[in-house]
Amino acid sequence: MESQIISRAKARDPEALAQLLVDLVPITRATIRRIQPYAQDPDNLYGEANLILLDAVDEFDPERGVPFHLYYRARLSYFLMDDLKRSMKKPTVPLTAEMESLVADVANTEEDFILLERAEELHQIVNDLPIRERAVVSLYFFCHLSLSEIAARLGISYQTVANTKSRAMNHLRRIYASKQTVDSL
């Protein structure tokens, strides 16, 4: 039965494609929830999953002895993991509303100028952290996720997230303090 639907889908039979989409919805949802549970735009991921399904139908080879639903799930998993890696690669920390208001309301006073300068320094220091520390700090302070949510999103243990956050905070304190003493000289 599955091989007939796949054959018809390869021939671009709309009914077969629709049937495949309906049959694979549970696999698609479960895979997206497992790999990217906190996706900012899950509807976009479902749309991408439909495109991956079309590619999988075209490239599926029944001679290899792998059931289609396993082949599709593997293709979707690889895409989602790659998408997650791309989104985590060298993310820049967005300026918070507080920092943006500092930039917008800069007065000519020395105190306001110093506060703005410190905010920009802190922004640069966070972006200079190692990738995992930057990701944890960004998700914790700027996206307001809990440590357990961060652990689920990054696919690492809660303890690793807590240790990484602690290490990142020590890094930030040390770097910021050293910049302050160098600047005061």
C-alpha atoms as a PDB file:
ATOM      1  CA  MET A   1       0.000   0.000   0.000  1.00  0.00           C
ATOM      2  CA  GLU A   2       2.755   2.446   0.976  1.00  0.00           C
ATOM      3  CA  SER A   3       4.695   1.701  -2.205  1.00  0.00           C
ATOM      4  CA  GLN A   4       1.636   2.515  -4.342  1.00  0.00           C
ATOM      5  CA  ILE A   5       1.152   5.893  -2.661  1.00  0.00           C
ATOM      6  CA  ILE A   6       4.854   6.669  -3.048  1.00  0.00           C
ATOM      7  CA  SER A   7       4.783   5.687  -6.745  1.00  0.00           C
ATOM      8  CA  ARG A   8       1.742   7.873  -7.345  1.00  0.00           C
ATOM      9  CA  ALA A   9       3.326  10.740  -5.379  1.00  0.00           C
ATOM     10  CA  LYS A  10       6.500  10.467  -7.499  1.00  0.00           C
ATOM     11  CA  ALA A  11       4.222  10.946 -10.527  1.00  0.00           C
ATOM     12  CA  ARG A  12       2.893  14.093  -8.745  1.00  0.00           C
ATOM     13  CA  ASP A  13      -0.612  12.707  -8.189  1.00  0.00           C
ATOM     14  CA  PRO A  14      -2.256  15.397  -6.015  1.00  0.00           C
ATOM     15  CA  GLU A  15      -4.360  12.881  -4.087  1.00  0.00           C
ATOM     16  CA  ALA A  16      -1.325  10.761  -3.243  1.00  0.00           C
ATOM     17  CA  LEU A  17       0.667  13.809  -2.151  1.00  0.00           C
ATOM     18  CA  ALA A  18      -2.229  14.992   0.020  1.00  0.00           C
ATOM     19  CA  GLN A  19      -2.566  11.523   1.537  1.00  0.00           C
ATOM     20  CA  LEU A  20       1.156  11.431   2.322  1.00  0.00           C
ATOM     21  CA  LEU A  21       0.981  14.863   3.943  1.00  0.00           C
ATOM     22  CA  VAL A  22      -1.934  13.766   6.137  1.00  0.00           C
ATOM     23  CA  ASP A  23      -0.357  10.410   7.020  1.00  0.00           C
ATOM     24  CA  LEU A  24       2.959  11.997   7.995  1.00  0.00           C
ATOM     25  CA  VAL A  25       1.600  14.885  10.113  1.00  0.00           C
ATOM     26  CA  PRO A  26       2.212  13.011  13.415  1.00  0.00           C
ATOM     27  CA  ILE A  27       5.811  12.223  12.437  1.00  0.00           C
ATOM     28  CA  THR A  28       6.365  15.812  11.317  1.00  0.00           C
ATOM     29  CA  ARG A  29       4.961  17.307  14.521  1.00  0.00           C
ATOM     30  CA  ALA A  30       6.839  14.908  16.783  1.00  0.00           C
ATOM     31  CA  THR A  31      10.137  15.499  14.987  1.00  0.00           C
ATOM     32  CA  ILE A  32       9.794  19.283  15.103  1.00  0.00           C
ATOM     33  CA  ARG A  33       8.828  19.205  18.804  1.00  0.00           C
ATOM     34  CA  ARG A  34      11.756  16.899  19.592  1.00  0.00           C
ATOM     35  CA  ILE A  35      14.475  18.863  17.785  1.00  0.00           C
ATOM     36  CA  GLN A  36      13.219  22.454  17.979  1.00  0.00           C
ATOM     37  CA  PRO A  37      10.697  22.584  20.854  1.00  0.00           C
ATOM     38  CA  TYR A  38      11.050  26.354  21.292  1.00  0.00           C
ATOM     39  CA  ALA A  39      11.076  27.336  17.636  1.00  0.00           C
ATOM     40  CA  GLN A  40      10.123  30.959  17.173  1.00  0.00           C
ATOM     41  CA  ASP A  41       8.192  30.231  13.970  1.00  0.00           C
ATOM     42  CA  PRO A  42       6.931  26.613  13.983  1.00  0.00           C
ATOM     43  CA  ASP A  43       4.552  27.297  11.069  1.00  0.00           C
ATOM     44  CA  ASN A  44       7.573  28.078   8.908  1.00  0.00           C
ATOM     45  CA  LEU A  45       9.116  24.746   9.956  1.00  0.00           C
ATOM     46  CA  TYR A  46       5.926  22.895   8.932  1.00  0.00           C
ATOM     47  CA  GLY A  47       6.111  24.587   5.535  1.00  0.00           C
ATOM     48  CA  GLU A  48       9.754  23.544   5.203  1.00  0.00           C
ATOM     49  CA  ALA A  49       8.745  20.007   6.230  1.00  0.00           C
ATOM     50  CA  ASN A  50       6.303  19.891   3.307  1.00  0.00           C
ATOM     51  CA  LEU A  51       9.091  20.878   0.910  1.00  0.00           C
ATOM     52  CA  ILE A  52      11.358  18.236   2.435  1.00  0.00           C
ATOM     53  CA  LEU A  53       8.574  15.696   1.933  1.00  0.00           C
ATOM     54  CA  LEU A  54       8.447  16.551  -1.773  1.00  0.00           C
ATOM     55  CA  ASP A  55      12.223  16.161  -2.050  1.00  0.00           C
ATOM     56  CA  ALA A  56      12.078  12.905  -0.111  1.00  0.00           C
ATOM     57  CA  VAL A  57       9.409  11.536  -2.455  1.00  0.00           C
ATOM     58  CA  ASP A  58      11.584  12.379  -5.465  1.00  0.00           C
ATOM     59  CA  GLU A  59      14.773  10.909  -4.010  1.00  0.00           C
ATOM     60  CA  PHE A  60      13.292   7.867  -2.235  1.00  0.00           C
ATOM     61  CA  ASP A  61      14.618   4.533  -3.459  1.00  0.00           C
ATOM     62  CA  PRO A  62      12.469   1.584  -2.317  1.00  0.00           C
ATOM     63  CA  GLU A  63      15.232  -0.811  -3.435  1.00  0.00           C
ATOM     64  CA  ARG A  64      17.280   0.136  -0.369  1.00  0.00           C
ATOM     65  CA  GLY A  65      14.740  -1.534   1.937  1.00  0.00           C
ATOM     66  CA  VAL A  66      14.101   1.490   4.155  1.00  0.00           C
ATOM     67  CA  PRO A  67      10.455   2.366   4.839  1.00  0.00           C
ATOM     68  CA  PHE A  68       9.498   5.767   3.473  1.00  0.00           C
ATOM     69  CA  HIS A  69       8.369   7.212   6.798  1.00  0.00           C
ATOM     70  CA  LEU A  70      11.799   6.471   8.330  1.00  0.00           C
ATOM     71  CA  TYR A  71      13.572   7.999   5.351  1.00  0.00           C
ATOM     72  CA  TYR A  72      11.385  11.119   5.587  1.00  0.00           C
ATOM     73  CA  ARG A  73      11.912  11.429   9.348  1.00  0.00           C
ATOM     74  CA  ALA A  74      15.689  11.191   8.900  1.00  0.00           C
ATOM     75  CA  ARG A  75      15.667  13.860   6.164  1.00  0.00           C
ATOM     76  CA  LEU A  76      13.490  16.152   8.301  1.00  0.00           C
ATOM     77  CA  SER A  77      15.673  15.583  11.374  1.00  0.00           C
ATOM     78  CA  TYR A  78      18.830  16.484   9.462  1.00  0.00           C
ATOM     79  CA  PHE A  79      17.200  19.652   8.145  1.00  0.00           C
ATOM     80  CA  LEU A  80      15.974  20.709  11.601  1.00  0.00           C
ATOM     81  CA  MET A  81      19.354  20.074  13.235  1.00  0.00           C
ATOM     82  CA  ASP A  82      21.116  21.998  10.473  1.00  0.00           C
ATOM     83  CA  ASP A  83      18.612  24.852  10.819  1.00  0.00           C
ATOM     84  CA  LEU A  84      19.185  24.926  14.582  1.00  0.00           C
ATOM     85  CA  LYS A  85      22.962  25.009  14.103  1.00  0.00           C
ATOM     86  CA  ARG A  86      22.658  27.856  11.603  1.00  0.00           C
ATOM     87  CA  SER A  87      20.508  29.853  13.981  1.00  0.00           C
ATOM     88  CA  MET A  88      22.987  29.284  16.822  1.00  0.00           C
ATOM     89  CA  LYS A  89      26.064  30.094  14.761  1.00  0.00           C
ATOM     90  CA  LYS A  90      27.527  33.409  15.878  1.00  0.00           C
ATOM     91  CA  PRO A  91      24.271  34.966  16.982  1.00  0.00           C
ATOM     92  CA  THR A  92      24.538  38.597  17.895  1.00  0.00           C
ATOM     93  CA  VAL A  93      22.895  39.718  21.066  1.00  0.00           C
ATOM     94  CA  PRO A  94      20.078  42.127  20.306  1.00  0.00           C
ATOM     95  CA  LEU A  95      20.079  45.438  22.091  1.00  0.00           C
ATOM     96  CA  THR A  96      17.426  45.455  24.783  1.00  0.00           C
ATOM     97  CA  ALA A  97      14.775  48.137  24.898  1.00  0.00           C
ATOM     98  CA  GLU A  98      16.657  49.700  27.792  1.00  0.00           C
ATOM     99  CA  MET A  99      19.859  49.902  25.742  1.00  0.00           C
ATOM    100  CA  GLU A 100      17.974  51.266  22.735  1.00  0.00           C
ATOM    101  CA  SER A 101      16.366  53.944  24.866  1.00  0.00           C
ATOM    102  CA  LEU A 102      19.833  54.888  26.111  1.00  0.00           C
ATOM    103  CA  VAL A 103      21.002  55.249  22.541  1.00  0.00           C
ATOM    104  CA  ALA A 104      17.937  57.305  21.562  1.00  0.00           C
ATOM    105  CA  ASP A 105      17.947  59.615  24.584  1.00  0.00           C
ATOM    106  CA  VAL A 106      21.627  60.373  24.729  1.00  0.00           C
ATOM    107  CA  ALA A 107      22.023  63.757  26.310  1.00  0.00           C
ATOM    108  CA  ASN A 108      25.147  65.811  26.289  1.00  0.00           C
ATOM    109  CA  THR A 109      25.832  65.048  29.913  1.00  0.00           C
ATOM    110  CA  GLU A 110      28.904  63.089  30.792  1.00  0.00           C
ATOM    111  CA  GLU A 111      26.940  60.619  32.924  1.00  0.00           C
ATOM    112  CA  ASP A 112      24.619  59.622  30.073  1.00  0.00           C
ATOM    113  CA  PHE A 113      27.578  59.248  27.753  1.00  0.00           C
ATOM    114  CA  ILE A 114      29.357  56.924  30.217  1.00  0.00           C
ATOM    115  CA  LEU A 115      26.219  54.750  30.648  1.00  0.00           C
ATOM    116  CA  LEU A 116      25.863  54.409  26.881  1.00  0.00           C
ATOM    117  CA  GLU A 117      29.519  53.546  26.516  1.00  0.00           C
ATOM    118  CA  ARG A 118      29.230  50.838  29.207  1.00  0.00           C
ATOM    119  CA  ALA A 119      26.145  49.333  27.526  1.00  0.00           C
ATOM    120  CA  GLU A 120      27.956  49.165  24.190  1.00  0.00           C
ATOM    121  CA  GLU A 121      31.033  47.633  25.854  1.00  0.00           C
ATOM    122  CA  LEU A 122      28.869  45.018  27.546  1.00  0.00           C
ATOM    123  CA  HIS A 123      27.145  44.271  24.235  1.00  0.00           C
ATOM    124  CA  GLN A 124      30.541  43.741  22.553  1.00  0.00           C
ATOM    125  CA  ILE A 125      31.868  41.635  25.444  1.00  0.00           C
ATOM    126  CA  VAL A 126      28.821  39.321  25.267  1.00  0.00           C
ATOM    127  CA  ASN A 127      29.355  38.901  21.513  1.00  0.00           C
ATOM    128  CA  ASP A 128      33.017  37.975  22.162  1.00  0.00           C
ATOM    129  CA  LEU A 129      32.106  35.074  24.485  1.00  0.00           C
ATOM    130  CA  PRO A 130      32.563  31.493  23.243  1.00  0.00           C
ATOM    131  CA  ILE A 131      29.544  30.326  21.233  1.00  0.00           C
ATOM    132  CA  ARG A 132      27.940  28.138  23.922  1.00  0.00           C
ATOM    133  CA  GLU A 133      28.369  30.769  26.654  1.00  0.00           C
ATOM    134  CA  ARG A 134      27.013  33.465  24.329  1.00  0.00           C
ATOM    135  CA  ALA A 135      24.004  31.292  23.466  1.00  0.00           C
ATOM    136  CA  VAL A 136      23.198  30.576  27.125  1.00  0.00           C
ATOM    137  CA  VAL A 137      23.611  34.218  28.199  1.00  0.00           C
ATOM    138  CA  SER A 138      21.555  35.455  25.251  1.00  0.00           C
ATOM    139  CA  LEU A 139      18.738  32.983  25.824  1.00  0.00           C
ATOM    140  CA  TYR A 140      18.716  33.604  29.576  1.00  0.00           C
ATOM    141  CA  PHE A 141      18.978  37.402  29.749  1.00  0.00           C
ATOM    142  CA  PHE A 142      17.641  38.578  26.411  1.00  0.00           C
ATOM    143  CA  CYS A 143      15.044  35.896  25.541  1.00  0.00           C
ATOM    144  CA  HIS A 144      14.098  35.366  29.205  1.00  0.00           C
ATOM    145  CA  LEU A 145      14.175  31.553  29.023  1.00  0.00           C
ATOM    146  CA  SER A 146      14.679  29.478  32.157  1.00  0.00           C
ATOM    147  CA  LEU A 147      17.716  27.241  32.501  1.00  0.00           C
ATOM    148  CA  SER A 148      15.589  24.145  31.878  1.00  0.00           C
ATOM    149  CA  GLU A 149      14.126  25.691  28.699  1.00  0.00           C
ATOM    150  CA  ILE A 150      17.624  26.542  27.519  1.00  0.00           C
ATOM    151  CA  ALA A 151      18.755  22.972  28.224  1.00  0.00           C
ATOM    152  CA  ALA A 152      15.875  21.606  26.153  1.00  0.00           C
ATOM    153  CA  ARG A 153      16.487  24.053  23.321  1.00  0.00           C
ATOM    154  CA  LEU A 154      20.227  23.370  23.113  1.00  0.00           C
ATOM    155  CA  GLY A 155      19.910  19.642  23.757  1.00  0.00           C
ATOM    156  CA  ILE A 156      22.240  19.659  26.763  1.00  0.00           C
ATOM    157  CA  SER A 157      21.699  18.897  30.436  1.00  0.00           C
ATOM    158  CA  TYR A 158      20.382  21.400  32.965  1.00  0.00           C
ATOM    159  CA  GLN A 159      23.636  21.166  34.943  1.00  0.00           C
ATOM    160  CA  THR A 160      25.687  21.949  31.831  1.00  0.00           C
ATOM    161  CA  VAL A 161      23.555  25.041  31.209  1.00  0.00           C
ATOM    162  CA  ALA A 162      23.943  26.164  34.832  1.00  0.00           C
ATOM    163  CA  ASN A 163      27.723  25.643  34.716  1.00  0.00           C
ATOM    164  CA  THR A 164      27.988  27.396  31.346  1.00  0.00           C
ATOM    165  CA  LYS A 165      25.985  30.376  32.634  1.00  0.00           C
ATOM    166  CA  SER A 166      28.168  30.593  35.732  1.00  0.00           C
ATOM    167  CA  ARG A 167      31.338  30.395  33.620  1.00  0.00           C
ATOM    168  CA  ALA A 168      29.984  33.041  31.240  1.00  0.00           C
ATOM    169  CA  MET A 169      29.135  35.399  34.095  1.00  0.00           C
ATOM    170  CA  ASN A 170      32.645  34.988  35.514  1.00  0.00           C
ATOM    171  CA  HIS A 171      34.041  35.657  32.035  1.00  0.00           C
ATOM    172  CA  LEU A 172      31.913  38.779  31.690  1.00  0.00           C
ATOM    173  CA  ARG A 173      32.879  40.096  35.132  1.00  0.00           C
ATOM    174  CA  ARG A 174      36.579  39.451  34.542  1.00  0.00           C
ATOM    175  CA  ILE A 175      36.633  40.983  31.051  1.00  0.00           C
ATOM    176  CA  TYR A 176      34.515  43.976  32.068  1.00  0.00           C
ATOM    177  CA  ALA A 177      36.662  44.616  35.163  1.00  0.00           C
ATOM    178  CA  SER A 178      39.882  44.390  33.160  1.00  0.00           C
ATOM    179  CA  LYS A 179      38.512  46.812  30.547  1.00  0.00           C
ATOM    180  CA  GLN A 180      37.527  49.249  33.291  1.00  0.00           C
ATOM    181  CA  THR A 181      41.008  49.214  34.870  1.00  0.00           C
ATOM    182  CA  VAL A 182      42.712  49.551  31.461  1.00  0.00           C
ATOM    183  CA  ASP A 183      40.428  52.455  30.517  1.00  0.00           C
ATOM    184  CA  SER A 184      41.057  54.267  33.794  1.00  0.00           C
ATOM    185  CA  LEU A 185      44.827  54.263  33.278  1.00  0.00           C
END
